[in-house]
C-alpha atoms as a PDB file:
ATOM      1  CA  UNK A   1       0.044   0.241  -0.258  1.00  0.00           C
ATOM      2  CA  UNK A   2       1.428   3.384  -0.916  1.00  0.00           C
ATOM      3  CA  UNK A   3       0.422   6.919   1.054  1.00  0.00           C
ATOM      4  CA  UNK A   4      -2.766   6.797   1.738  1.00  0.00           C
ATOM      5  CA  UNK A   5      -4.605   9.240  -0.064  1.00  0.00           C
ATOM      6  CA  UNK A   6      -5.770  11.731   2.108  1.00  0.00           C
ATOM      7  CA  UNK A   7      -7.979  14.042  -0.361  1.00  0.00           C
ATOM      8  CA  UNK A   8     -11.606  14.889   0.344  1.00  0.00           C
ATOM      9  CA  UNK A   9     -13.926  17.089  -2.061  1.00  0.00           C
ATOM     10  CA  UNK A  10     -16.953  18.606  -0.689  1.00  0.00           C
ATOM     11  CA  UNK A  11     -19.300  19.723  -3.106  1.00  0.00           C
ATOM     12  CA  UNK A  12     -22.189  21.798  -1.617  1.00  0.00           C
ATOM     13  CA  UNK A  13     -23.097  25.383  -2.194  1.00  0.00           C
ATOM     14  CA  UNK A  14     -23.706  26.455   1.475  1.00  0.00           C
ATOM     15  CA  UNK A  15     -20.849  28.373   2.795  1.00  0.00           C
ATOM     16  CA  UNK A  16     -21.274  27.655   6.302  1.00  0.00           C
ATOM     17  CA  UNK A  17     -21.457  23.909   5.421  1.00  0.00           C
ATOM     18  CA  UNK A  18     -18.252  24.376   3.353  1.00  0.00           C
ATOM     19  CA  UNK A  19     -16.550  25.852   6.204  1.00  0.00           C
ATOM     20  CA  UNK A  20     -16.991  23.867   9.068  1.00  0.00           C
ATOM     21  CA  UNK A  21     -16.449  20.978   6.765  1.00  0.00           C
ATOM     22  CA  UNK A  22     -13.160  21.894   5.679  1.00  0.00           C
ATOM     23  CA  UNK A  23     -12.280  23.355   9.495  1.00  0.00           C
ATOM     24  CA  UNK A  24     -13.019  19.737  11.072  1.00  0.00           C
ATOM     25  CA  UNK A  25     -11.700  17.700   8.244  1.00  0.00           C
ATOM     26  CA  UNK A  26      -8.367  19.713   8.003  1.00  0.00           C
ATOM     27  CA  UNK A  27      -7.812  19.143  11.583  1.00  0.00           C
ATOM     28  CA  UNK A  28      -8.379  15.500  11.048  1.00  0.00           C
ATOM     29  CA  UNK A  29      -5.357  15.442   8.626  1.00  0.00           C
ATOM     30  CA  UNK A  30      -7.263  15.368   5.361  1.00  0.00           C
ATOM     31  CA  UNK A  31      -6.743  17.748   2.214  1.00  0.00           C
ATOM     32  CA  UNK A  32     -10.129  19.729   1.277  1.00  0.00           C
ATOM     33  CA  UNK A  33     -11.047  20.765  -1.988  1.00  0.00           C
ATOM     34  CA  UNK A  34     -14.548  22.786  -1.918  1.00  0.00           C
ATOM     35  CA  UNK A  35     -17.069  23.084  -4.635  1.00  0.00           C
ATOM     36  CA  UNK A  36     -20.077  25.270  -5.022  1.00  0.00           C
ATOM     37  CA  UNK A  37     -21.412  23.520  -7.987  1.00  0.00           C
ATOM     38  CA  UNK A  38     -21.966  20.179  -9.663  1.00  0.00           C
ATOM     39  CA  UNK A  39     -20.054  20.953 -12.612  1.00  0.00           C
ATOM     40  CA  UNK A  40     -17.129  22.335 -10.631  1.00  0.00           C
ATOM     41  CA  UNK A  41     -17.209  19.379  -8.128  1.00  0.00           C
ATOM     42  CA  UNK A  42     -17.217  16.776 -11.060  1.00  0.00           C
ATOM     43  CA  UNK A  43     -13.992  18.598 -12.563  1.00  0.00           C
ATOM     44  CA  UNK A  44     -12.513  18.636  -9.218  1.00  0.00           C
ATOM     45  CA  UNK A  45     -12.823  14.834  -8.528  1.00  0.00           C
ATOM     46  CA  UNK A  46     -11.742  14.209 -12.299  1.00  0.00           C
ATOM     47  CA  UNK A  47      -8.385  16.412 -11.512  1.00  0.00           C
ATOM     48  CA  UNK A  48      -7.623  15.654  -7.911  1.00  0.00           C
ATOM     49  CA  UNK A  49      -8.682  11.706  -7.685  1.00  0.00           C
ATOM     50  CA  UNK A  50      -9.937  11.992  -4.283  1.00  0.00           C
ATOM     51  CA  UNK A  51     -10.258   9.028  -1.207  1.00  0.00           C
ATOM     52  CA  UNK A  52     -13.765  10.452  -0.926  1.00  0.00           C
ATOM     53  CA  UNK A  53     -16.220  12.882  -2.181  1.00  0.00           C
ATOM     54  CA  UNK A  54     -18.909  14.796  -0.103  1.00  0.00           C
ATOM     55  CA  UNK A  55     -21.764  15.396  -1.954  1.00  0.00           C
ATOM     56  CA  UNK A  56     -24.918  17.472  -0.628  1.00  0.00           C
ATOM     57  CA  UNK A  57     -28.340  16.472  -2.514  1.00  0.00           C
ATOM     58  CA  UNK A  58     -29.374  20.381  -3.182  1.00  0.00           C
ATOM     59  CA  UNK A  59     -27.070  21.542  -5.765  1.00  0.00           C
ATOM     60  CA  UNK A  60     -28.008  24.789  -8.034  1.00  0.00           C
ATOM     61  CA  UNK A  61     -26.881  23.207 -10.934  1.00  0.00           C
ATOM     62  CA  UNK A  62     -28.086  19.998 -10.946  1.00  0.00           C
ATOM     63  CA  UNK A  63     -29.448  17.433  -8.538  1.00  0.00           C
ATOM     64  CA  UNK A  64     -26.901  15.480  -6.188  1.00  0.00           C
ATOM     65  CA  UNK A  65     -28.338  11.983  -7.368  1.00  0.00           C
ATOM     66  CA  UNK A  66     -27.697  13.187 -10.992  1.00  0.00           C
ATOM     67  CA  UNK A  67     -23.887  13.989 -10.106  1.00  0.00           C
ATOM     68  CA  UNK A  68     -23.526  10.616  -7.976  1.00  0.00           C
ATOM     69  CA  UNK A  69     -24.789   8.657 -10.817  1.00  0.00           C
ATOM     70  CA  UNK A  70     -22.137  10.357 -13.021  1.00  0.00           C
ATOM     71  CA  UNK A  71     -19.303  10.033 -10.519  1.00  0.00           C
ATOM     72  CA  UNK A  72     -19.951   6.517 -10.127  1.00  0.00           C
ATOM     73  CA  UNK A  73     -19.831   6.237 -13.975  1.00  0.00           C
ATOM     74  CA  UNK A  74     -16.540   7.113 -14.004  1.00  0.00           C
ATOM     75  CA  UNK A  75     -15.027   6.074 -10.721  1.00  0.00           C
ATOM     76  CA  UNK A  76     -15.775   3.914  -7.527  1.00  0.00           C
ATOM     77  CA  UNK A  77     -14.212   6.873  -5.291  1.00  0.00           C
ATOM     78  CA  UNK A  78     -16.616   6.808  -2.009  1.00  0.00           C
ATOM     79  CA  UNK A  79     -19.291   8.980  -1.862  1.00  0.00           C
ATOM     80  CA  UNK A  80     -21.133  10.353   1.348  1.00  0.00           C
ATOM     81  CA  UNK A  81     -24.572  12.403   0.458  1.00  0.00           C
ATOM     82  CA  UNK A  82     -25.615  15.400   2.717  1.00  0.00           C
ATOM     83  CA  UNK A  83     -28.973  15.789   2.389  1.00  0.00           C
ATOM     84  CA  UNK A  84     -31.636  17.769   4.248  1.00  0.00           C
ATOM     85  CA  UNK A  85     -34.397  15.382   3.553  1.00  0.00           C
ATOM     86  CA  UNK A  86     -33.838  11.776   4.365  1.00  0.00           C
ATOM     87  CA  UNK A  87     -36.578   9.657   4.602  1.00  0.00           C
ATOM     88  CA  UNK A  88     -35.765   5.711   4.425  1.00  0.00           C
ATOM     89  CA  UNK A  89     -36.820   5.544   1.044  1.00  0.00           C
ATOM     90  CA  UNK A  90     -34.756   8.439   0.142  1.00  0.00           C
ATOM     91  CA  UNK A  91     -31.798   6.766   1.825  1.00  0.00           C
ATOM     92  CA  UNK A  92     -32.172   3.419  -0.084  1.00  0.00           C
ATOM     93  CA  UNK A  93     -32.598   5.382  -3.340  1.00  0.00           C
ATOM     94  CA  UNK A  94     -29.057   7.011  -2.529  1.00  0.00           C
ATOM     95  CA  UNK A  95     -27.492   4.000  -1.276  1.00  0.00           C
ATOM     96  CA  UNK A  96     -28.888   2.177  -4.291  1.00  0.00           C
ATOM     97  CA  UNK A  97     -27.247   4.645  -6.590  1.00  0.00           C
ATOM     98  CA  UNK A  98     -24.023   4.111  -5.513  1.00  0.00           C
ATOM     99  CA  UNK A  99     -23.418   6.438  -2.571  1.00  0.00           C
ATOM    100  CA  UNK A 100     -21.710   4.663   0.482  1.00  0.00           C
ATOM    101  CA  UNK A 101     -23.325   6.636   3.099  1.00  0.00           C
ATOM    102  CA  UNK A 102     -25.864   9.274   4.458  1.00  0.00           C
ATOM    103  CA  UNK A 103     -25.771  12.113   6.465  1.00  0.00           C
ATOM    104  CA  UNK A 104     -28.713  14.311   7.231  1.00  0.00           C
ATOM    105  CA  UNK A 105     -28.374  18.014   7.973  1.00  0.00           C
ATOM    106  CA  UNK A 106     -28.048  19.832   9.964  1.00  0.00           C
ATOM    107  CA  UNK A 107     -25.129  17.104  11.345  1.00  0.00           C
ATOM    108  CA  UNK A 108     -22.833  17.246  14.066  1.00  0.00           C
ATOM    109  CA  UNK A 109     -19.270  18.327  12.352  1.00  0.00           C
ATOM    110  CA  UNK A 110     -17.711  15.352  14.559  1.00  0.00           C
ATOM    111  CA  UNK A 111     -20.622  12.676  13.173  1.00  0.00           C
ATOM    112  CA  UNK A 112     -18.930  14.222   9.660  1.00  0.00           C
ATOM    113  CA  UNK A 113     -15.252  13.032  10.336  1.00  0.00           C
ATOM    114  CA  UNK A 114     -16.404   9.864  11.952  1.00  0.00           C
ATOM    115  CA  UNK A 115     -18.471   8.937   9.031  1.00  0.00           C
ATOM    116  CA  UNK A 116     -15.392   9.850   6.670  1.00  0.00           C
ATOM    117  CA  UNK A 117     -12.949   8.054   8.621  1.00  0.00           C
ATOM    118  CA  UNK A 118     -15.108   4.925   8.575  1.00  0.00           C
ATOM    119  CA  UNK A 119     -15.666   4.909   5.152  1.00  0.00           C
ATOM    120  CA  UNK A 120     -12.166   5.082   4.760  1.00  0.00           C
ATOM    121  CA  UNK A 121     -11.257   2.545   6.825  1.00  0.00           C
ATOM    122  CA  UNK A 122     -13.597   0.076   5.303  1.00  0.00           C
ATOM    123  CA  UNK A 123     -12.588   0.788   1.356  1.00  0.00           C
ATOM    124  CA  UNK A 124      -8.759  -0.275   2.758  1.00  0.00           C
ATOM    125  CA  UNK A 125     -10.510  -3.587   3.148  1.00  0.00           C
ATOM    126  CA  UNK A 126      -9.323  -6.199   5.249  1.00  0.00           C
ATOM    127  CA  UNK A 127      -7.365  -8.977   2.889  1.00  0.00           C
ATOM    128  CA  UNK A 128     -10.288 -11.476   1.621  1.00  0.00           C
ATOM    129  CA  UNK A 129      -8.852 -15.161   2.562  1.00  0.00           C
ATOM    130  CA  UNK A 130      -8.159 -16.191  -0.913  1.00  0.00           C
ATOM    131  CA  UNK A 131      -7.010 -14.347  -4.441  1.00  0.00           C
ATOM    132  CA  UNK A 132      -9.990 -15.824  -6.341  1.00  0.00           C
ATOM    133  CA  UNK A 133     -13.387 -17.249  -5.651  1.00  0.00           C
ATOM    134  CA  UNK A 134     -14.762 -19.133  -8.448  1.00  0.00           C
ATOM    135  CA  UNK A 135     -18.436 -20.566  -8.676  1.00  0.00           C
ATOM    136  CA  UNK A 136     -20.251 -22.832 -10.625  1.00  0.00           C
ATOM    137  CA  UNK A 137     -17.373 -23.905 -12.423  1.00  0.00           C
ATOM    138  CA  UNK A 138     -15.809 -20.552 -13.082  1.00  0.00           C
ATOM    139  CA  UNK A 139     -19.466 -19.201 -14.536  1.00  0.00           C
ATOM    140  CA  UNK A 140     -18.765 -16.358 -11.504  1.00  0.00           C
ATOM    141  CA  UNK A 141     -15.267 -15.452 -10.340  1.00  0.00           C
ATOM    142  CA  UNK A 142     -14.646 -12.764  -7.565  1.00  0.00           C
ATOM    143  CA  UNK A 143     -10.996 -11.612  -8.289  1.00  0.00           C
ATOM    144  CA  UNK A 144     -10.144  -9.834  -4.272  1.00  0.00           C
ATOM    145  CA  UNK A 145      -6.855  -8.396  -5.627  1.00  0.00           C
ATOM    146  CA  UNK A 146      -7.985  -6.637  -8.509  1.00  0.00           C
ATOM    147  CA  UNK A 147     -11.495  -5.872  -7.203  1.00  0.00           C
ATOM    148  CA  UNK A 148     -13.039  -7.456 -10.385  1.00  0.00           C
ATOM    149  CA  UNK A 149     -15.930  -9.926 -10.800  1.00  0.00           C
ATOM    150  CA  UNK A 150     -16.437 -11.619 -13.889  1.00  0.00           C
ATOM    151  CA  UNK A 151     -19.600 -13.310 -15.326  1.00  0.00           C
ATOM    152  CA  UNK A 152     -18.987 -15.722 -17.504  1.00  0.00           C
ATOM    153  CA  UNK A 153     -15.698 -14.024 -18.412  1.00  0.00           C
ATOM    154  CA  UNK A 154     -17.002 -10.742 -18.251  1.00  0.00           C
ATOM    155  CA  UNK A 155     -16.415  -7.874 -16.062  1.00  0.00           C
ATOM    156  CA  UNK A 156     -19.677  -7.002 -13.959  1.00  0.00           C
ATOM    157  CA  UNK A 157     -19.732  -3.544 -13.223  1.00  0.00           C
ATOM    158  CA  UNK A 158     -20.569  -3.420  -9.182  1.00  0.00           C
ATOM    159  CA  UNK A 159     -20.886  -0.143  -6.914  1.00  0.00           C
ATOM    160  CA  UNK A 160     -18.519  -0.535  -3.997  1.00  0.00           C
ATOM    161  CA  UNK A 161     -21.137  -1.371  -1.648  1.00  0.00           C
ATOM    162  CA  UNK A 162     -22.013  -4.174  -3.594  1.00  0.00           C
ATOM    163  CA  UNK A 163     -18.791  -5.410  -4.331  1.00  0.00           C
ATOM    164  CA  UNK A 164     -18.107  -5.260  -0.021  1.00  0.00           C
ATOM    165  CA  UNK A 165     -21.579  -7.377   0.065  1.00  0.00           C
ATOM    166  CA  UNK A 166     -20.481 -10.235  -2.503  1.00  0.00           C
ATOM    167  CA  UNK A 167     -16.921  -9.935  -1.028  1.00  0.00           C
ATOM    168  CA  UNK A 168     -17.962 -10.290   2.602  1.00  0.00           C
ATOM    169  CA  UNK A 169     -19.989 -13.294   1.403  1.00  0.00           C
ATOM    170  CA  UNK A 170     -17.340 -14.863  -0.003  1.00  0.00           C
ATOM    171  CA  UNK A 171     -14.846 -15.165   2.456  1.00  0.00           C
ATOM    172  CA  UNK A 172     -16.612 -17.861   3.804  1.00  0.00           C
ATOM    173  CA  UNK A 173     -19.378 -19.442   1.077  1.00  0.00           C
ATOM    174  CA  UNK A 174     -21.968 -21.600   2.615  1.00  0.00           C
ATOM    175  CA  UNK A 175     -21.834 -19.558   5.640  1.00  0.00           C
ATOM    176  CA  UNK A 176     -25.244 -17.817   6.698  1.00  0.00           C
ATOM    177  CA  UNK A 177     -24.898 -13.711   7.354  1.00  0.00           C
ATOM    178  CA  UNK A 178     -27.538 -11.803   9.077  1.00  0.00           C
ATOM    179  CA  UNK A 179     -28.525  -8.794   7.672  1.00  0.00           C
ATOM    180  CA  UNK A 180     -26.977  -6.901  10.700  1.00  0.00           C
ATOM    181  CA  UNK A 181     -23.340  -8.444  10.088  1.00  0.00           C
ATOM    182  CA  UNK A 182     -23.914  -7.564   6.314  1.00  0.00           C
ATOM    183  CA  UNK A 183     -25.115  -3.832   7.140  1.00  0.00           C
ATOM    184  CA  UNK A 184     -21.938  -3.585   9.723  1.00  0.00           C
ATOM    185  CA  UNK A 185     -19.490  -5.037   6.987  1.00  0.00           C
ATOM    186  CA  UNK A 186     -20.765  -3.007   3.913  1.00  0.00           C
ATOM    187  CA  UNK A 187     -21.714   0.345   5.940  1.00  0.00           C
ATOM    188  CA  UNK A 188     -18.945  -0.136   8.468  1.00  0.00           C
ATOM    189  CA  UNK A 189     -20.752   0.655  11.610  1.00  0.00           C
ATOM    190  CA  UNK A 190     -24.077  -0.499  13.194  1.00  0.00           C
ATOM    191  CA  UNK A 191     -26.996   1.156  10.750  1.00  0.00           C
ATOM    192  CA  UNK A 192     -29.870   0.361  12.910  1.00  0.00           C
ATOM    193  CA  UNK A 193     -33.055   0.158  11.213  1.00  0.00           C
ATOM    194  CA  UNK A 194     -31.492   0.184   7.585  1.00  0.00           C
ATOM    195  CA  UNK A 195     -31.406  -3.834   7.444  1.00  0.00           C
ATOM    196  CA  UNK A 196     -33.425  -3.429   4.230  1.00  0.00           C
ATOM    197  CA  UNK A 197     -30.244  -1.367   2.378  1.00  0.00           C
ATOM    198  CA  UNK A 198     -29.030  -4.569   2.470  1.00  0.00           C
ATOM    199  CA  UNK A 199     -32.361  -6.120   0.818  1.00  0.00           C
ATOM    200  CA  UNK A 200     -31.977  -3.144  -2.042  1.00  0.00           C
ATOM    201  CA  UNK A 201     -28.422  -4.029  -2.621  1.00  0.00           C
ATOM    202  CA  UNK A 202     -28.730  -7.418  -2.727  1.00  0.00           C
ATOM    203  CA  UNK A 203     -31.346  -6.980  -5.083  1.00  0.00           C
ATOM    204  CA  UNK A 204     -29.305  -5.035  -7.535  1.00  0.00           C
ATOM    205  CA  UNK A 205     -26.481  -7.455  -7.327  1.00  0.00           C
ATOM    206  CA  UNK A 206     -28.608 -10.605  -7.881  1.00  0.00           C
ATOM    207  CA  UNK A 207     -29.529  -8.257 -11.070  1.00  0.00           C
ATOM    208  CA  UNK A 208     -26.158  -8.446 -11.997  1.00  0.00           C
ATOM    209  CA  UNK A 209     -24.587 -11.463 -11.387  1.00  0.00           C
ATOM    210  CA  UNK A 210     -27.519 -14.068 -11.578  1.00  0.00           C
ATOM    211  CA  UNK A 211     -28.592 -15.720 -14.727  1.00  0.00           C
ATOM    212  CA  UNK A 212     -32.235 -15.827 -13.137  1.00  0.00           C
ATOM    213  CA  UNK A 213     -32.254 -12.803 -10.538  1.00  0.00           C
ATOM    214  CA  UNK A 214     -35.645 -14.653  -9.507  1.00  0.00           C
ATOM    215  CA  UNK A 215     -34.218 -17.724  -8.712  1.00  0.00           C
ATOM    216  CA  UNK A 216     -30.652 -16.928  -7.600  1.00  0.00           C
ATOM    217  CA  UNK A 217     -28.148 -19.901  -7.603  1.00  0.00           C
ATOM    218  CA  UNK A 218     -25.195 -17.672  -6.076  1.00  0.00           C
ATOM    219  CA  UNK A 219     -26.390 -15.099  -3.432  1.00  0.00           C
ATOM    220  CA  UNK A 220     -28.896 -17.267  -1.575  1.00  0.00           C
ATOM    221  CA  UNK A 221     -31.800 -16.242   0.988  1.00  0.00           C
ATOM    222  CA  UNK A 222     -31.681 -17.700   4.262  1.00  0.00           C
ATOM    223  CA  UNK A 223     -34.956 -17.407   5.801  1.00  0.00           C
ATOM    224  CA  UNK A 224     -35.275 -16.000   9.109  1.00  0.00           C
ATOM    225  CA  UNK A 225     -31.463 -14.863   9.058  1.00  0.00           C
ATOM    226  CA  UNK A 226     -30.438 -13.212   5.930  1.00  0.00           C
ATOM    227  CA  UNK A 227     -28.062 -14.521   3.057  1.00  0.00           C
ATOM    228  CA  UNK A 228     -25.438 -16.607   2.046  1.00  0.00           C
ATOM    229  CA  UNK A 229     -23.207 -17.452  -1.147  1.00  0.00           C
ATOM    230  CA  UNK A 230     -23.791 -20.653  -2.298  1.00  0.00           C
ATOM    231  CA  UNK A 231     -20.626 -23.344  -2.233  1.00  0.00           C
ATOM    232  CA  UNK A 232     -21.842 -25.373  -5.123  1.00  0.00           C
END
């Protein structure tokens, strides 16, 4: 591992949020770059290759969801969404389009720093037990060194959360993981009440890797418990 990337791009048009975020993150040793619009934010993220993007959902020129999708199309940099409105549905939508976490405004700056740390800790993940997990005679392969998942030899585009979910299940194929354990592995802390986000990720993951998502052969539901990766 080289030097840890400490660059954070913050995209928010609220001056007070910009100032507080910058002050607290810089005090924690991060290099902070601020953008007030989605257009500036995209340009900065492209140029700086940050370790993390903090993204407000209400931007003057474009919706944060829109920008989140665009960043996701180009890179798998972790995204922390800031939002004034966060019903459970909206969080699930946000996580489904590729955000890694959500923080509702008004937030405490300490909490923001804590979330940033947690996300960066888990995006430099533990080494998996094996370098290549191969299922169904190689029809599905999880290459844990290159972070690539292949289905029938073709790479599959997964969001960071989907990849972590699959990687967690792949540590011990055949072992049932509860939604609570999975949310801990994927979100990096106890995300109470959001176990449904795991179901949303599983659904998205199955669409991408299963030959028939309605009758999954890889990611199996263990009723009353959670999910497991089939051992076949």
